[in-house]
Amino acid sequence: MEEGSGEKIRRIVVAVDSSENSRKCAGFAASLANATGCETIVLTVIRNSDVVDTEGRIDHDKLQKTEEEARGLHEALVIGSNMFTFRNKIRSEIVRADNDDVADAICKYCAETDADVVIIGRRGLGFFKGMLIGSVSEKVARNCQCSVTIVK
């Protein structure tokens, strides 16, 4: 979707984690999806560092548990936000951030799926901490090729 082109939104990605902001993001995404009838992809990124053992190898039990938790989160967000209607197509996706860069994984996923909009929550790191380490939402806004909506 090009800026000012008047093209319809076909696909949105809503990036979620277990934070309270994810509920707000899901609600915002549901409103947009219900208004446009677009495809909605609920996305969670798992950092490799969250699922490796002490030797640095993937702990498949931990990975499976983390993926199950993400699927449960997705289901709760979809139901809780009234995202599901007859007009909407909804997918749930879980991807791994190989280099632990969640923002990079989100932007890469959006490019690969030809997303028109990514919706992401703002975490509120505070001015100084945000300036020092940056935030995922800020990095997504700066680096994604599609439109970005940050929900507070």
Protein backbone atom coordinates (compact mmCIF):
# COMPACT_ATOMS: atom_id res chain seq x y z
CA MET A 1 0.00 0.00 0.00
CA GLU A 2 1.63 3.25 -1.11
CA GLU A 3 1.12 6.48 0.77
CA GLY A 4 -1.64 8.61 -0.67
CA SER A 5 -2.57 5.92 -3.17
CA GLY A 6 -6.03 5.32 -1.74
CA GLU A 7 -5.35 1.58 -1.81
CA LYS A 8 -7.28 -0.63 0.54
CA ILE A 9 -5.59 -2.20 3.56
CA ARG A 10 -5.32 -5.89 2.75
CA ARG A 11 -3.16 -7.26 5.54
CA ILE A 12 -2.23 -6.10 9.02
CA VAL A 13 0.23 -7.64 11.43
CA VAL A 14 -0.39 -7.09 15.13
CA ALA A 15 2.77 -7.83 17.11
CA VAL A 16 1.96 -9.05 20.62
CA ASP A 17 3.61 -10.33 23.76
CA SER A 18 2.21 -11.02 27.22
CA SER A 19 2.01 -7.33 28.19
CA GLU A 20 -1.13 -5.34 28.95
CA ASN A 21 -0.39 -3.23 25.87
CA SER A 22 -0.98 -6.30 23.70
CA ARG A 23 -4.66 -6.24 24.70
CA LYS A 24 -4.86 -2.63 23.54
CA CYS A 25 -3.10 -3.52 20.29
CA ALA A 26 -5.49 -6.40 19.68
CA GLY A 27 -8.47 -4.14 20.31
CA PHE A 28 -7.14 -1.52 17.91
CA ALA A 29 -6.36 -4.19 15.30
CA ALA A 30 -9.86 -5.63 15.71
CA SER A 31 -11.42 -2.23 15.03
CA LEU A 32 -9.29 -1.77 11.93
CA ALA A 33 -9.89 -5.31 10.70
CA ASN A 34 -13.63 -5.10 11.29
CA ALA A 35 -13.80 -1.78 9.42
CA THR A 36 -11.75 -2.96 6.44
CA GLY A 37 -12.30 -6.72 6.29
CA CYS A 38 -8.55 -7.20 5.90
CA GLU A 39 -6.51 -10.23 6.82
CA THR A 40 -5.10 -10.02 10.34
CA ILE A 41 -1.95 -11.81 11.45
CA VAL A 42 -1.36 -12.02 15.20
CA LEU A 43 2.43 -12.31 15.58
CA THR A 44 4.66 -13.19 18.51
CA VAL A 45 8.44 -13.21 18.23
CA ILE A 46 10.41 -15.59 20.43
CA ARG A 47 14.00 -14.62 21.17
CA ASN A 48 16.45 -17.49 20.88
CA SER A 49 18.01 -16.49 24.20
CA ASP A 50 14.68 -17.32 25.86
CA VAL A 51 14.74 -20.94 24.66
CA VAL A 52 18.39 -22.03 24.81
CA ASP A 53 19.99 -24.31 27.38
CA THR A 54 23.20 -23.62 29.30
CA GLU A 55 25.33 -24.85 26.37
CA GLY A 56 23.61 -22.48 23.95
CA ARG A 57 21.53 -25.15 22.20
CA ILE A 58 17.80 -24.83 21.58
CA ASP A 59 15.87 -26.43 24.45
CA HIS A 60 13.02 -27.99 22.48
CA ASP A 61 10.85 -28.51 25.58
CA LYS A 62 11.22 -24.85 26.51
CA LEU A 63 10.56 -23.82 22.89
CA GLN A 64 7.42 -25.98 22.73
CA LYS A 65 6.14 -24.55 26.04
CA THR A 66 6.82 -20.99 24.88
CA GLU A 67 5.02 -21.61 21.58
CA GLU A 68 2.02 -23.14 23.42
CA GLU A 69 1.86 -20.08 25.69
CA ALA A 70 1.97 -17.80 22.63
CA ARG A 71 -0.85 -19.73 20.93
CA GLY A 72 -2.95 -19.43 24.10
CA LEU A 73 -2.21 -15.71 24.23
CA HIS A 74 -3.22 -15.30 20.59
CA GLU A 75 -6.49 -17.15 21.14
CA ALA A 76 -7.32 -15.05 24.22
CA LEU A 77 -6.51 -11.80 22.41
CA VAL A 78 -8.58 -12.71 19.35
CA ILE A 79 -11.59 -13.70 21.47
CA GLY A 80 -11.21 -10.86 23.98
CA SER A 81 -10.93 -8.17 21.32
CA ASN A 82 -13.84 -9.40 19.17
CA MET A 83 -11.38 -9.64 16.29
CA PHE A 84 -13.16 -12.60 14.78
CA THR A 85 -16.05 -11.77 12.49
CA PHE A 86 -17.31 -13.41 9.35
CA ARG A 87 -15.51 -10.77 7.26
CA ASN A 88 -12.06 -11.28 8.74
CA LYS A 89 -9.35 -13.78 8.00
CA ILE A 90 -7.14 -14.31 11.04
CA ARG A 91 -3.83 -16.14 11.29
CA SER A 92 -1.65 -16.78 14.28
CA GLU A 93 2.11 -16.82 13.67
CA ILE A 94 5.07 -17.42 15.95
CA VAL A 95 8.57 -16.68 14.67
CA ARG A 96 12.01 -16.82 16.24
CA ALA A 97 14.43 -13.93 16.31
CA ASP A 98 17.66 -15.72 15.50
CA ASN A 99 19.81 -12.76 16.54
CA ASP A 100 17.47 -11.82 19.44
CA ASP A 101 16.49 -8.61 17.61
CA VAL A 102 12.71 -8.64 17.97
CA ALA A 103 12.24 -5.45 15.94
CA ASP A 104 14.26 -6.87 13.06
CA ALA A 105 12.22 -10.10 13.13
CA ILE A 106 8.95 -8.12 13.03
CA CYS A 107 10.12 -5.97 10.10
CA LYS A 108 11.41 -9.01 8.22
CA TYR A 109 8.11 -10.85 8.76
CA CYS A 110 6.11 -7.83 7.57
CA ALA A 111 8.23 -7.61 4.41
CA GLU A 112 7.92 -11.34 3.72
CA THR A 113 4.13 -11.30 4.11
CA ASP A 114 3.63 -8.01 2.25
CA ALA A 115 1.90 -6.43 5.25
CA ASP A 116 0.31 -3.04 4.73
CA VAL A 117 0.34 -2.06 8.42
CA VAL A 118 2.03 -3.35 11.56
CA ILE A 119 0.43 -2.53 14.91
CA ILE A 120 2.66 -2.64 17.96
CA GLY A 121 2.45 -1.47 21.56
CA ARG A 122 4.63 1.12 23.22
CA ARG A 123 6.25 -0.07 26.38
CA GLY A 124 7.07 3.16 28.16
CA LEU A 125 10.74 2.69 29.02
CA GLY A 126 11.00 6.29 30.13
CA PHE A 127 12.95 9.00 28.37
CA PHE A 128 16.49 8.17 29.50
CA LYS A 129 16.25 4.40 29.29
CA GLY A 130 14.53 4.70 25.91
CA MET A 131 17.32 7.00 24.66
CA LEU A 132 20.02 4.61 25.84
CA ILE A 133 18.68 1.28 24.63
CA GLY A 134 15.83 2.23 22.32
CA SER A 135 12.59 0.34 22.18
CA VAL A 136 11.19 -2.34 19.92
CA SER A 137 8.35 -0.08 18.78
CA GLU A 138 10.76 2.76 17.97
CA LYS A 139 13.01 0.42 15.97
CA VAL A 140 10.03 -1.03 14.11
CA ALA A 141 8.78 2.48 13.28
CA ARG A 142 12.21 3.45 12.00
CA ASN A 143 13.00 0.29 10.02
CA CYS A 144 9.78 -1.30 8.73
CA GLN A 145 8.90 -0.71 5.10
CA CYS A 146 5.15 -0.78 5.77
CA SER A 147 3.08 1.70 7.78
CA VAL A 148 3.45 1.40 11.55
CA THR A 149 0.84 2.18 14.19
CA ILE A 150 2.08 2.42 17.77
CA VAL A 151 -0.61 1.93 20.40
CA LYS A 152 -0.19 3.57 23.83
